[in-house]
Protein backbone atom coordinates (compact mmCIF):
# COMPACT_ATOMS: atom_id res chain seq x y z
CA UNK A 1 -14.06 -11.18 -3.31
CA UNK A 2 -12.38 -10.01 -6.48
CA UNK A 3 -9.19 -8.21 -5.55
CA UNK A 4 -6.96 -6.17 -7.86
CA UNK A 5 -3.37 -5.89 -6.65
CA UNK A 6 -1.00 -3.47 -8.34
CA UNK A 7 2.68 -3.98 -7.61
CA UNK A 8 2.06 -7.65 -6.92
CA UNK A 9 5.73 -8.63 -7.12
CA UNK A 10 6.78 -6.33 -4.28
CA UNK A 11 7.05 -7.35 -0.64
CA UNK A 12 3.55 -6.37 0.51
CA UNK A 13 1.92 -7.03 -2.84
CA UNK A 14 3.34 -10.54 -3.06
CA UNK A 15 2.11 -11.34 0.45
CA UNK A 16 -1.32 -9.98 -0.40
CA UNK A 17 -1.55 -12.20 -3.46
CA UNK A 18 -0.61 -15.33 -1.55
CA UNK A 19 -2.91 -14.68 1.39
CA UNK A 20 -5.89 -13.66 -0.72
CA UNK A 21 -5.62 -16.83 -2.81
CA UNK A 22 -5.25 -18.96 0.31
CA UNK A 23 -8.51 -17.54 1.63
CA UNK A 24 -10.40 -18.27 -1.56
CA UNK A 25 -10.52 -14.83 -3.15
CA UNK A 26 -10.07 -14.15 -6.85
CA UNK A 27 -6.97 -12.08 -7.51
CA UNK A 28 -5.90 -10.05 -10.52
CA UNK A 29 -2.23 -9.15 -10.21
CA UNK A 30 -1.02 -6.20 -12.27
CA UNK A 31 2.69 -6.05 -13.07
CA UNK A 32 4.84 -4.35 -15.65
CA UNK A 33 6.77 -7.62 -15.90
CA UNK A 34 4.48 -10.61 -15.24
CA UNK A 35 7.48 -12.95 -15.10
CA UNK A 36 8.32 -11.49 -11.69
CA UNK A 37 5.32 -13.22 -10.10
CA UNK A 38 6.11 -16.97 -10.09
CA UNK A 39 2.69 -18.09 -8.82
CA UNK A 40 0.06 -20.17 -10.55
CA UNK A 41 -3.42 -20.68 -9.15
CA UNK A 42 -6.90 -21.22 -10.59
CA UNK A 43 -8.11 -18.00 -8.95
CA UNK A 44 -5.16 -15.90 -10.12
CA UNK A 45 -5.02 -13.77 -13.26
CA UNK A 46 -1.76 -12.04 -14.07
CA UNK A 47 -2.03 -8.92 -16.20
CA UNK A 48 0.75 -6.98 -17.85
CA UNK A 49 -0.02 -3.40 -16.90
CA UNK A 50 1.37 -0.12 -15.65
CA UNK A 51 -0.23 2.04 -12.96
CA UNK A 52 0.77 5.09 -15.00
CA UNK A 53 -1.35 3.71 -17.85
CA UNK A 54 -4.65 2.59 -16.25
CA UNK A 55 -6.07 1.64 -19.64
CA UNK A 56 -3.82 -1.43 -19.49
CA UNK A 57 -5.92 -2.87 -16.63
CA UNK A 58 -9.08 -0.74 -16.54
CA UNK A 59 -11.49 -3.60 -17.25
CA UNK A 60 -10.11 -5.55 -14.29
CA UNK A 61 -10.34 -2.43 -12.13
CA UNK A 62 -13.99 -2.12 -13.08
CA UNK A 63 -14.69 -5.71 -12.01
CA UNK A 64 -12.78 -5.65 -8.69
CA UNK A 65 -14.44 -5.37 -5.30
CA UNK A 66 -11.41 -3.46 -4.07
CA UNK A 67 -7.89 -2.53 -5.11
CA UNK A 68 -4.56 -2.65 -3.32
CA UNK A 69 -1.88 -0.30 -4.60
CA UNK A 70 1.40 -1.77 -3.38
CA UNK A 71 3.70 -0.01 -5.80
CA UNK A 72 7.25 0.84 -4.85
CA UNK A 73 10.46 2.17 -6.32
CA UNK A 74 12.74 -0.72 -7.23
CA UNK A 75 15.99 -0.66 -5.27
CA UNK A 76 15.01 2.27 -3.08
CA UNK A 77 16.70 2.22 0.33
CA UNK A 78 18.53 4.39 2.83
CA UNK A 79 21.54 4.54 0.52
CA UNK A 80 19.73 4.97 -2.77
CA UNK A 81 17.12 7.71 -2.51
CA UNK A 82 16.50 9.30 -5.88
CA UNK A 83 13.88 11.83 -7.00
CA UNK A 84 10.67 10.01 -7.86
CA UNK A 85 7.08 10.70 -8.78
CA UNK A 86 6.01 7.07 -8.95
CA UNK A 87 3.88 7.16 -5.81
CA UNK A 88 2.19 10.48 -6.53
CA UNK A 89 1.72 10.22 -10.29
CA UNK A 90 1.05 6.50 -10.28
CA UNK A 91 -1.67 6.68 -7.66
CA UNK A 92 -3.05 9.89 -9.16
CA UNK A 93 -3.55 7.93 -12.37
CA UNK A 94 -5.20 5.11 -10.44
CA UNK A 95 -7.65 7.27 -8.51
CA UNK A 96 -8.51 9.20 -11.67
CA UNK A 97 -9.37 5.94 -13.42
CA UNK A 98 -11.37 4.74 -10.41
CA UNK A 99 -13.41 7.93 -10.36
CA UNK A 100 -14.00 7.75 -14.10
CA UNK A 101 -15.38 4.20 -14.06
CA UNK A 102 -17.09 4.34 -10.68
CA UNK A 103 -14.76 2.08 -8.67
CA UNK A 104 -14.72 3.04 -5.00
CA UNK A 105 -12.58 1.03 -2.58
CA UNK A 106 -8.77 1.06 -2.45
CA UNK A 107 -5.81 0.71 -0.11
CA UNK A 108 -2.61 2.69 -0.55
CA UNK A 109 0.77 2.10 1.13
CA UNK A 110 2.58 5.07 2.62
CA UNK A 111 5.05 5.16 5.55
CA UNK A 112 4.88 6.04 9.23
CA UNK A 113 7.61 8.69 9.12
CA UNK A 114 5.60 10.83 6.70
CA UNK A 115 4.31 12.43 9.89
CA UNK A 116 6.29 12.27 13.13
CA UNK A 117 4.18 10.55 15.75
CA UNK A 118 4.19 12.33 19.13
CA UNK A 119 3.54 9.05 20.96
CA UNK A 120 6.72 7.34 19.83
CA UNK A 121 9.75 7.25 22.16
CA UNK A 122 11.94 10.33 21.91
CA UNK A 123 14.85 8.52 20.30
CA UNK A 124 12.58 7.10 17.58
CA UNK A 125 11.13 10.55 16.83
CA UNK A 126 14.66 11.97 16.66
CA UNK A 127 15.83 9.30 14.21
CA UNK A 128 12.67 9.63 12.11
CA UNK A 129 12.98 13.41 11.82
CA UNK A 130 16.71 13.92 11.54
CA UNK A 131 17.82 10.71 9.85
CA UNK A 132 15.06 8.86 8.01
CA UNK A 133 13.26 11.93 6.66
CA UNK A 134 16.59 13.40 5.57
CA UNK A 135 18.17 10.44 3.81
CA UNK A 136 14.85 9.44 2.19
CA UNK A 137 13.70 12.98 1.52
CA UNK A 138 12.77 12.31 -2.12
CA UNK A 139 10.60 9.30 -1.30
CA UNK A 140 8.86 11.04 1.59
CA UNK A 141 8.21 14.17 -0.46
CA UNK A 142 6.49 12.04 -3.09
CA UNK A 143 4.51 10.10 -0.48
CA UNK A 144 3.20 13.37 0.98
CA UNK A 145 2.08 14.47 -2.47
CA UNK A 146 0.46 11.07 -2.98
CA UNK A 147 -1.43 11.27 0.30
CA UNK A 148 -2.73 14.76 -0.48
CA UNK A 149 -4.01 13.57 -3.85
CA UNK A 150 -5.80 10.59 -2.34
CA UNK A 151 -7.34 12.62 0.49
CA UNK A 152 -8.84 15.04 -2.03
CA UNK A 153 -10.91 12.29 -3.67
CA UNK A 154 -14.36 11.00 -2.78
CA UNK A 155 -13.19 7.38 -2.92
CA UNK A 156 -13.46 4.94 -0.03
CA UNK A 157 -9.71 5.07 0.46
CA UNK A 158 -7.48 3.83 3.25
CA UNK A 159 -3.86 4.90 3.55
CA UNK A 160 -1.64 2.47 5.49
CA UNK A 161 1.38 3.95 7.26
CA UNK A 162 3.53 1.03 8.39
CA UNK A 163 6.71 1.51 10.46
CA UNK A 164 9.83 -0.57 9.81
CA UNK A 165 8.84 -3.50 7.60
CA UNK A 166 10.15 -6.98 8.30
CA UNK A 167 10.19 -10.32 6.49
CA UNK A 168 8.34 -12.00 9.35
CA UNK A 169 5.40 -14.36 8.87
CA UNK A 170 1.73 -13.48 8.96
CA UNK A 171 0.49 -13.59 12.57
CA UNK A 172 -2.82 -11.74 12.47
CA UNK A 173 -1.86 -10.25 15.82
CA UNK A 174 -1.04 -6.55 15.64
CA UNK A 175 -2.33 -3.19 16.86
CA UNK A 176 -3.87 -0.47 14.71
CA UNK A 177 -5.09 3.10 15.04
CA UNK A 178 -7.36 4.81 12.52
CA UNK A 179 -6.84 8.56 12.14
CA UNK A 180 -4.79 8.52 15.32
CA UNK A 181 -1.21 7.83 16.34
CA UNK A 182 -0.35 4.33 17.52
CA UNK A 183 1.88 4.21 20.58
CA UNK A 184 5.18 2.40 20.18
CA UNK A 185 4.46 1.24 16.64
CA UNK A 186 8.00 0.29 15.67
CA UNK A 187 7.80 -2.79 13.43
CA UNK A 188 5.36 -4.84 11.37
CA UNK A 189 5.84 -7.64 8.87
CA UNK A 190 4.86 -7.13 5.26
CA UNK A 191 2.73 -10.23 5.66
CA UNK A 192 0.69 -8.68 8.46
CA UNK A 193 0.19 -5.44 6.52
CA UNK A 194 -1.27 -7.58 3.73
CA UNK A 195 -3.38 -9.48 6.26
CA UNK A 196 -4.87 -6.25 7.58
CA UNK A 197 -5.90 -4.99 4.17
CA UNK A 198 -7.49 -8.25 3.08
CA UNK A 199 -9.48 -8.48 6.31
CA UNK A 200 -10.61 -4.86 6.41
CA UNK A 201 -11.84 -4.30 2.88
CA UNK A 202 -15.39 -3.76 4.11
CA UNK A 203 -14.52 -2.03 7.37
CA UNK A 204 -16.26 1.34 7.00
CA UNK A 205 -14.36 2.71 10.01
CA UNK A 206 -11.27 2.74 7.78
CA UNK A 207 -12.91 4.56 4.86
CA UNK A 208 -11.17 7.88 4.26
CA UNK A 209 -8.82 6.87 7.04
CA UNK A 210 -5.11 6.76 7.74
CA UNK A 211 -4.12 3.59 9.55
CA UNK A 212 -1.04 3.13 11.69
CA UNK A 213 -0.15 -0.49 12.34
CA UNK A 214 2.44 -2.26 14.46
CA UNK A 215 3.12 -4.95 17.03
């Protein structure tokens, strides 16, 4: 397949690039600073581009079988939550470009605490609602706007809502739920989130679906 990955230098994006190349796919990695992706491979094209300016990579978007949007705010964490519109405006620009040129399939990364899962343990729900959603209120507000924008399109979209992300290796062994809450989904490696997307590009059960994933 031909895969377009935006935000290819981030944790999930970087894993997606590596795994896709390992499996023989052709990857176009879109970055604002190409120097941040220190990978060379015959099947890899690195493009200087900005999700807020789709014209910088539109031709590659047109040629891709599917797109992974793995954008993220640099330096964002529990102690550095600043107002942002990167997720909402960036992905709004992407889906607008996709609709304009006729591209259909894309994955988008959100977060599990956007919606409090009723099947998580009580203490996890408490922390998600009264700690995580509070200290990361700007990021979550923008993710909710992003999700609403994506859901309003006619694209074959999939929104991934991972829980706590780890630096663990790819295992290929995880649980998922499509348009449903996943019980006790507490952690997942960035590598396994990437694995799921690469292996479910043609899974129609995930089209227009929100996927929870975890061990």
